[in-house]
């Protein structure tokens, strides 16, 4: 897909959400998040350009991403850097290399499953050791 189509489609979604927020009396958002990157570099660039336009229009203060690899972050870390990359991290599952890669790009990591769905880890086999460590 050319960059322009994902940009137009993402912009349409942003505009629909903006109208809904405005109807509820919300004129500005603290942050919007691009959850899951598009399948290609051009898609990601297009989606991000629409987000940058929303920020430039003043109805959102900061931009974020979710589930982006370091390579996908490189696609969007240009004029406007994401504030946050939300990743699947918890006490029993984290990759210090991925956290460091985000830090090198000036992007904060936020856990989207900090308690591992109540198990403190993503994998049941690790739960007893992690629970013992946390107690």
N, C-alpha and C. Protein backbone atom coordinates (compact mmCIF):
# COMPACT_ATOMS: atom_id res chain seq x y z
N UNK A 1 0.83 -1.19 0.00
CA UNK A 1 0.00 0.00 0.00
C UNK A 1 0.87 1.25 0.00
N UNK A 2 0.53 2.23 -0.79
CA UNK A 2 1.28 3.49 -0.73
C UNK A 2 1.00 4.20 0.60
N UNK A 3 1.95 5.00 1.04
CA UNK A 3 1.84 5.70 2.32
C UNK A 3 0.56 6.51 2.43
N UNK A 4 0.08 7.07 1.32
CA UNK A 4 -1.06 7.97 1.37
C UNK A 4 -2.35 7.28 1.81
N UNK A 5 -2.59 6.03 1.40
CA UNK A 5 -3.83 5.35 1.77
C UNK A 5 -3.90 5.08 3.27
N UNK A 6 -2.88 4.49 3.90
CA UNK A 6 -2.95 4.32 5.35
C UNK A 6 -3.09 5.65 6.08
N UNK A 7 -2.48 6.70 5.56
CA UNK A 7 -2.60 8.02 6.18
C UNK A 7 -4.06 8.49 6.12
N UNK A 8 -4.66 8.38 4.95
CA UNK A 8 -6.06 8.82 4.80
C UNK A 8 -7.00 8.02 5.70
N UNK A 9 -6.81 6.70 5.72
CA UNK A 9 -7.70 5.86 6.53
C UNK A 9 -7.51 6.13 8.02
N UNK A 10 -6.27 6.28 8.45
CA UNK A 10 -6.01 6.58 9.85
C UNK A 10 -6.56 7.96 10.21
N UNK A 11 -6.39 8.91 9.31
CA UNK A 11 -6.91 10.27 9.54
C UNK A 11 -8.43 10.24 9.68
N UNK A 12 -9.10 9.46 8.84
CA UNK A 12 -10.56 9.32 8.95
C UNK A 12 -10.94 8.79 10.32
N UNK A 13 -10.24 7.76 10.78
CA UNK A 13 -10.51 7.22 12.11
C UNK A 13 -10.27 8.25 13.20
N UNK A 14 -9.20 9.00 13.09
CA UNK A 14 -8.91 10.05 14.07
C UNK A 14 -10.01 11.11 14.08
N UNK A 15 -10.47 11.50 12.89
CA UNK A 15 -11.51 12.52 12.80
C UNK A 15 -12.82 12.02 13.40
N UNK A 16 -13.17 10.76 13.16
CA UNK A 16 -14.38 10.20 13.76
C UNK A 16 -14.29 10.20 15.28
N UNK A 17 -13.13 9.80 15.78
CA UNK A 17 -12.94 9.80 17.24
C UNK A 17 -12.97 11.22 17.79
N UNK A 18 -12.38 12.15 17.09
CA UNK A 18 -12.38 13.54 17.54
C UNK A 18 -13.81 14.07 17.65
N UNK A 19 -14.64 13.76 16.66
CA UNK A 19 -16.05 14.20 16.71
C UNK A 19 -16.76 13.58 17.92
N UNK A 20 -16.51 12.31 18.17
CA UNK A 20 -17.14 11.65 19.32
C UNK A 20 -16.70 12.27 20.64
N UNK A 21 -15.40 12.53 20.76
CA UNK A 21 -14.90 13.17 21.97
C UNK A 21 -15.51 14.57 22.14
N UNK A 22 -15.57 15.31 21.04
CA UNK A 22 -16.13 16.67 21.10
C UNK A 22 -17.60 16.62 21.53
N UNK A 23 -18.35 15.63 21.05
CA UNK A 23 -19.75 15.49 21.44
C UNK A 23 -19.88 15.25 22.95
N UNK A 24 -18.86 14.64 23.52
CA UNK A 24 -18.85 14.40 24.96
C UNK A 24 -18.18 15.51 25.75
N UNK A 25 -17.82 16.60 25.08
CA UNK A 25 -17.23 17.74 25.75
C UNK A 25 -15.71 17.66 25.93
N UNK A 26 -15.08 16.72 25.26
CA UNK A 26 -13.62 16.57 25.36
C UNK A 26 -13.01 17.20 24.12
N UNK A 27 -12.24 18.26 24.31
CA UNK A 27 -11.65 18.96 23.17
C UNK A 27 -10.20 18.61 22.91
N UNK A 28 -9.52 18.07 23.93
CA UNK A 28 -8.11 17.74 23.77
C UNK A 28 -7.80 16.46 24.54
N UNK A 29 -6.97 15.61 23.94
CA UNK A 29 -6.54 14.37 24.59
C UNK A 29 -5.09 14.49 25.02
N UNK A 30 -4.74 13.82 26.10
CA UNK A 30 -3.34 13.80 26.52
C UNK A 30 -2.50 12.98 25.55
N UNK A 31 -3.05 11.85 25.07
CA UNK A 31 -2.26 10.96 24.24
C UNK A 31 -3.17 10.09 23.38
N UNK A 32 -2.71 9.79 22.15
CA UNK A 32 -3.33 8.75 21.36
C UNK A 32 -2.25 7.72 21.03
N UNK A 33 -2.69 6.46 20.88
CA UNK A 33 -1.75 5.36 20.70
C UNK A 33 -2.06 4.60 19.42
N UNK A 34 -1.03 4.36 18.65
CA UNK A 34 -1.13 3.50 17.48
C UNK A 34 -0.88 2.08 17.95
N UNK A 35 -1.96 1.32 18.07
CA UNK A 35 -1.89 -0.04 18.59
C UNK A 35 -1.65 -1.01 17.45
N UNK A 36 -0.54 -1.64 17.46
CA UNK A 36 -0.06 -2.56 16.43
C UNK A 36 0.29 -1.81 15.15
N UNK A 37 1.51 -1.94 14.74
CA UNK A 37 1.96 -1.27 13.51
C UNK A 37 1.36 -1.92 12.27
N UNK A 38 1.27 -1.14 11.20
CA UNK A 38 0.82 -1.67 9.92
C UNK A 38 1.79 -2.73 9.41
N UNK A 39 1.40 -3.48 8.37
CA UNK A 39 2.21 -4.59 7.89
C UNK A 39 3.47 -4.21 7.12
N UNK A 40 3.56 -2.97 6.66
CA UNK A 40 4.73 -2.54 5.90
C UNK A 40 5.24 -1.21 6.42
N UNK A 41 6.46 -0.88 6.05
CA UNK A 41 7.05 0.41 6.42
C UNK A 41 6.19 1.56 5.91
N UNK A 42 5.71 1.47 4.66
CA UNK A 42 4.86 2.53 4.12
C UNK A 42 3.57 2.69 4.91
N UNK A 43 2.98 1.58 5.33
CA UNK A 43 1.76 1.66 6.15
C UNK A 43 2.03 2.37 7.47
N UNK A 44 3.13 1.97 8.11
CA UNK A 44 3.48 2.58 9.40
C UNK A 44 3.73 4.08 9.21
N UNK A 45 4.46 4.45 8.17
CA UNK A 45 4.71 5.88 7.91
C UNK A 45 3.39 6.64 7.69
N UNK A 46 2.48 6.04 6.95
CA UNK A 46 1.20 6.69 6.69
C UNK A 46 0.38 6.85 7.95
N UNK A 47 0.32 5.80 8.76
CA UNK A 47 -0.42 5.88 10.01
C UNK A 47 0.18 6.97 10.91
N UNK A 48 1.50 6.98 11.00
CA UNK A 48 2.16 7.93 11.88
C UNK A 48 1.98 9.36 11.39
N UNK A 49 2.00 9.56 10.07
CA UNK A 49 1.78 10.90 9.53
C UNK A 49 0.41 11.43 9.93
N UNK A 50 -0.61 10.58 9.91
CA UNK A 50 -1.94 11.00 10.34
C UNK A 50 -1.94 11.39 11.81
N UNK A 51 -1.21 10.64 12.63
CA UNK A 51 -1.11 10.98 14.04
C UNK A 51 -0.38 12.32 14.23
N UNK A 52 0.68 12.53 13.47
CA UNK A 52 1.41 13.80 13.56
C UNK A 52 0.51 14.97 13.17
N UNK A 53 -0.33 14.77 12.17
CA UNK A 53 -1.27 15.82 11.76
C UNK A 53 -2.27 16.12 12.88
N UNK A 54 -2.76 15.07 13.55
CA UNK A 54 -3.69 15.28 14.66
C UNK A 54 -3.02 16.10 15.77
N UNK A 55 -1.77 15.80 16.03
CA UNK A 55 -1.03 16.56 17.05
C UNK A 55 -0.84 18.01 16.60
N UNK A 56 -0.48 18.20 15.35
CA UNK A 56 -0.28 19.55 14.82
C UNK A 56 -1.57 20.37 14.87
N UNK A 57 -2.70 19.71 14.73
CA UNK A 57 -3.99 20.40 14.79
C UNK A 57 -4.37 20.77 16.22
N UNK A 58 -3.63 20.26 17.20
CA UNK A 58 -3.82 20.69 18.58
C UNK A 58 -4.84 19.92 19.40
N UNK A 59 -5.37 18.84 18.90
CA UNK A 59 -6.36 18.13 19.72
C UNK A 59 -5.78 16.94 20.48
N UNK A 60 -4.48 16.72 20.34
CA UNK A 60 -3.80 15.69 21.12
C UNK A 60 -2.40 16.20 21.48
N UNK A 61 -1.97 15.97 22.71
CA UNK A 61 -0.68 16.48 23.18
C UNK A 61 0.50 15.59 22.83
N UNK A 62 0.32 14.27 22.96
CA UNK A 62 1.45 13.38 22.69
C UNK A 62 0.98 12.13 21.96
N UNK A 63 1.94 11.48 21.33
CA UNK A 63 1.67 10.30 20.52
C UNK A 63 2.39 9.10 21.11
N UNK A 64 1.78 7.93 20.96
CA UNK A 64 2.37 6.71 21.50
C UNK A 64 2.14 5.56 20.53
N UNK A 65 2.86 4.48 20.76
CA UNK A 65 2.71 3.27 19.96
C UNK A 65 2.60 2.08 20.91
N UNK A 66 2.18 0.96 20.36
CA UNK A 66 2.08 -0.27 21.13
C UNK A 66 2.58 -1.43 20.28
N UNK A 67 3.36 -2.27 20.90
CA UNK A 67 3.86 -3.49 20.24
C UNK A 67 4.80 -3.21 19.08
N UNK A 68 5.55 -2.12 19.13
CA UNK A 68 6.51 -1.79 18.07
C UNK A 68 7.87 -2.40 18.40
N UNK A 69 8.48 -3.01 17.40
CA UNK A 69 9.86 -3.49 17.54
C UNK A 69 10.79 -2.29 17.42
N UNK A 70 12.05 -2.44 17.80
CA UNK A 70 12.99 -1.33 17.60
C UNK A 70 13.06 -0.88 16.14
N UNK A 71 13.01 -1.82 15.21
CA UNK A 71 13.06 -1.46 13.79
C UNK A 71 11.83 -0.66 13.37
N UNK A 72 10.67 -1.02 13.90
CA UNK A 72 9.46 -0.27 13.59
C UNK A 72 9.48 1.11 14.23
N UNK A 73 10.09 1.21 15.41
CA UNK A 73 10.25 2.53 16.04
C UNK A 73 11.10 3.44 15.16
N UNK A 74 12.11 2.88 14.53
CA UNK A 74 12.97 3.68 13.66
C UNK A 74 12.18 4.33 12.52
N UNK A 75 11.10 3.69 12.11
CA UNK A 75 10.27 4.24 11.03
C UNK A 75 9.57 5.52 11.50
N UNK A 76 9.18 5.58 12.78
CA UNK A 76 8.40 6.73 13.27
C UNK A 76 9.21 7.73 14.08
N UNK A 77 10.43 7.39 14.45
CA UNK A 77 11.24 8.30 15.26
C UNK A 77 11.91 9.34 14.36
N UNK A 78 11.13 10.22 13.85
CA UNK A 78 11.65 11.29 13.01
C UNK A 78 11.33 12.62 13.64
N UNK A 79 10.47 13.35 12.97
CA UNK A 79 10.07 14.68 13.43
C UNK A 79 9.38 14.61 14.80
N UNK A 80 8.48 13.66 14.95
CA UNK A 80 7.74 13.49 16.20
C UNK A 80 8.01 12.09 16.74
N UNK A 81 8.63 12.02 17.88
CA UNK A 81 8.98 10.74 18.50
C UNK A 81 7.82 10.28 19.39
N UNK A 82 7.50 8.98 19.38
CA UNK A 82 6.48 8.50 20.33
C UNK A 82 6.96 8.69 21.76
N UNK A 83 6.05 9.06 22.63
CA UNK A 83 6.37 9.21 24.04
C UNK A 83 6.50 7.84 24.70
N UNK A 84 5.64 6.91 24.31
CA UNK A 84 5.53 5.61 24.95
C UNK A 84 5.44 4.51 23.91
N UNK A 85 6.03 3.37 24.19
CA UNK A 85 5.81 2.13 23.46
C UNK A 85 5.29 1.13 24.48
N UNK A 86 4.03 0.75 24.35
CA UNK A 86 3.40 -0.16 25.29
C UNK A 86 3.69 -1.60 24.84
N UNK A 87 4.32 -2.38 25.72
CA UNK A 87 4.78 -3.72 25.38
C UNK A 87 4.31 -4.75 26.41
N UNK A 88 4.30 -6.04 26.04
CA UNK A 88 3.90 -7.08 26.99
C UNK A 88 5.04 -7.38 27.96
N UNK A 89 5.06 -6.69 29.08
CA UNK A 89 6.08 -6.88 30.10
C UNK A 89 5.43 -7.19 31.43
N UNK A 90 6.06 -8.07 32.20
CA UNK A 90 5.60 -8.34 33.56
C UNK A 90 6.78 -8.85 34.37
N UNK A 91 6.55 -9.10 35.63
CA UNK A 91 7.65 -9.49 36.52
C UNK A 91 8.39 -10.72 36.01
N UNK A 92 7.68 -11.66 35.45
CA UNK A 92 8.32 -12.88 34.99
C UNK A 92 8.66 -12.91 33.52
N UNK A 93 8.43 -11.81 32.82
CA UNK A 93 8.71 -11.79 31.39
C UNK A 93 9.08 -10.38 30.96
N UNK A 94 10.33 -10.17 30.69
CA UNK A 94 10.77 -8.89 30.14
C UNK A 94 12.09 -9.11 29.42
N UNK A 95 12.33 -8.30 28.45
CA UNK A 95 13.55 -8.39 27.67
C UNK A 95 14.32 -7.09 27.88
N UNK A 96 15.36 -7.11 28.70
CA UNK A 96 16.12 -5.88 28.96
C UNK A 96 16.67 -5.26 27.68
N UNK A 97 16.96 -6.08 26.66
CA UNK A 97 17.46 -5.54 25.40
C UNK A 97 16.44 -4.67 24.69
N UNK A 98 15.17 -5.09 24.74
CA UNK A 98 14.11 -4.30 24.10
C UNK A 98 13.88 -3.00 24.87
N UNK A 99 13.90 -3.08 26.19
CA UNK A 99 13.74 -1.88 27.01
C UNK A 99 14.89 -0.90 26.70
N UNK A 100 16.11 -1.40 26.63
CA UNK A 100 17.27 -0.55 26.33
C UNK A 100 17.18 0.04 24.93
N UNK A 101 16.71 -0.74 23.96
CA UNK A 101 16.57 -0.24 22.59
C UNK A 101 15.57 0.91 22.53
N UNK A 102 14.48 0.82 23.30
CA UNK A 102 13.52 1.92 23.36
C UNK A 102 14.16 3.13 24.02
N UNK A 103 14.88 2.92 25.11
CA UNK A 103 15.53 4.02 25.82
C UNK A 103 16.52 4.76 24.91
N UNK A 104 17.28 4.01 24.11
CA UNK A 104 18.22 4.65 23.18
C UNK A 104 17.50 5.55 22.18
N UNK A 105 16.26 5.26 21.91
CA UNK A 105 15.47 6.06 20.96
C UNK A 105 14.66 7.15 21.68
N UNK A 106 14.81 7.23 22.99
CA UNK A 106 14.09 8.25 23.76
C UNK A 106 12.62 7.93 23.96
N UNK A 107 12.28 6.65 23.92
CA UNK A 107 10.89 6.21 24.06
C UNK A 107 10.73 5.44 25.37
N UNK A 108 9.75 5.84 26.18
CA UNK A 108 9.47 5.15 27.44
C UNK A 108 8.71 3.86 27.17
N UNK A 109 9.02 2.83 27.93
CA UNK A 109 8.29 1.56 27.82
C UNK A 109 7.24 1.51 28.92
N UNK A 110 6.04 1.10 28.53
CA UNK A 110 4.95 0.93 29.47
C UNK A 110 4.42 -0.50 29.30
N UNK A 111 4.18 -1.20 30.40
CA UNK A 111 3.68 -2.57 30.33
C UNK A 111 2.18 -2.59 30.07
N UNK A 112 1.77 -3.39 29.09
CA UNK A 112 0.33 -3.56 28.91
C UNK A 112 -0.21 -4.76 29.66
N UNK A 113 0.64 -5.50 30.28
CA UNK A 113 0.20 -6.62 31.13
C UNK A 113 1.17 -6.77 32.30
N UNK A 114 1.25 -5.75 33.17
CA UNK A 114 2.28 -5.75 34.21
C UNK A 114 2.13 -6.89 35.23
N UNK A 115 0.94 -7.44 35.37
CA UNK A 115 0.76 -8.55 36.30
C UNK A 115 0.63 -9.89 35.59
N UNK A 116 0.94 -9.92 34.30
CA UNK A 116 0.92 -11.18 33.57
C UNK A 116 -0.42 -11.88 33.61
N UNK A 117 -1.51 -11.12 33.45
CA UNK A 117 -2.87 -11.69 33.51
C UNK A 117 -3.13 -12.38 34.85
N UNK A 118 -2.60 -11.81 35.92
CA UNK A 118 -2.81 -12.34 37.26
C UNK A 118 -1.85 -13.43 37.66
N UNK A 119 -0.96 -13.81 36.76
CA UNK A 119 0.00 -14.88 37.08
C UNK A 119 1.39 -14.31 37.38
N UNK A 120 1.59 -13.03 37.21
CA UNK A 120 2.87 -12.34 37.35
C UNK A 120 3.86 -12.73 36.26
N UNK A 121 3.45 -13.56 35.33
CA UNK A 121 4.30 -13.98 34.23
C UNK A 121 3.41 -14.36 33.05
N UNK A 122 3.97 -14.39 31.88
CA UNK A 122 3.18 -14.78 30.71
C UNK A 122 3.06 -16.29 30.58
N UNK A 123 3.92 -17.02 31.26
CA UNK A 123 3.96 -18.47 31.08
C UNK A 123 3.67 -19.17 32.41
N UNK A 124 2.69 -20.04 32.41
CA UNK A 124 2.28 -20.74 33.63
C UNK A 124 3.46 -21.47 34.27
N UNK A 125 4.37 -22.01 33.47
CA UNK A 125 5.50 -22.78 34.03
C UNK A 125 6.41 -21.92 34.91
N UNK A 126 6.40 -20.61 34.69
CA UNK A 126 7.26 -19.71 35.46
C UNK A 126 6.59 -19.16 36.71
N UNK A 127 5.28 -19.33 36.83
CA UNK A 127 4.53 -18.67 37.88
C UNK A 127 5.01 -19.00 39.28
N UNK A 128 5.25 -20.26 39.66
CA UNK A 128 5.67 -20.51 41.05
C UNK A 128 6.96 -19.79 41.42
N UNK A 129 7.95 -19.80 40.55
CA UNK A 129 9.23 -19.14 40.86
C UNK A 129 9.05 -17.63 40.97
N UNK A 130 8.25 -17.04 40.09
CA UNK A 130 8.04 -15.60 40.11
C UNK A 130 7.24 -15.21 41.35
N UNK A 131 6.22 -15.98 41.70
CA UNK A 131 5.43 -15.66 42.89
C UNK A 131 6.28 -15.76 44.15
N UNK A 132 7.16 -16.74 44.20
CA UNK A 132 8.05 -16.87 45.36
C UNK A 132 9.00 -15.67 45.43
N UNK A 133 9.54 -15.26 44.31
CA UNK A 133 10.43 -14.12 44.25
C UNK A 133 9.74 -12.85 44.71
N UNK A 134 8.48 -12.69 44.37
CA UNK A 134 7.73 -11.46 44.68
C UNK A 134 7.18 -11.47 46.10
N UNK A 135 7.22 -12.59 46.78
CA UNK A 135 6.62 -12.62 48.13
C UNK A 135 7.62 -12.24 49.20
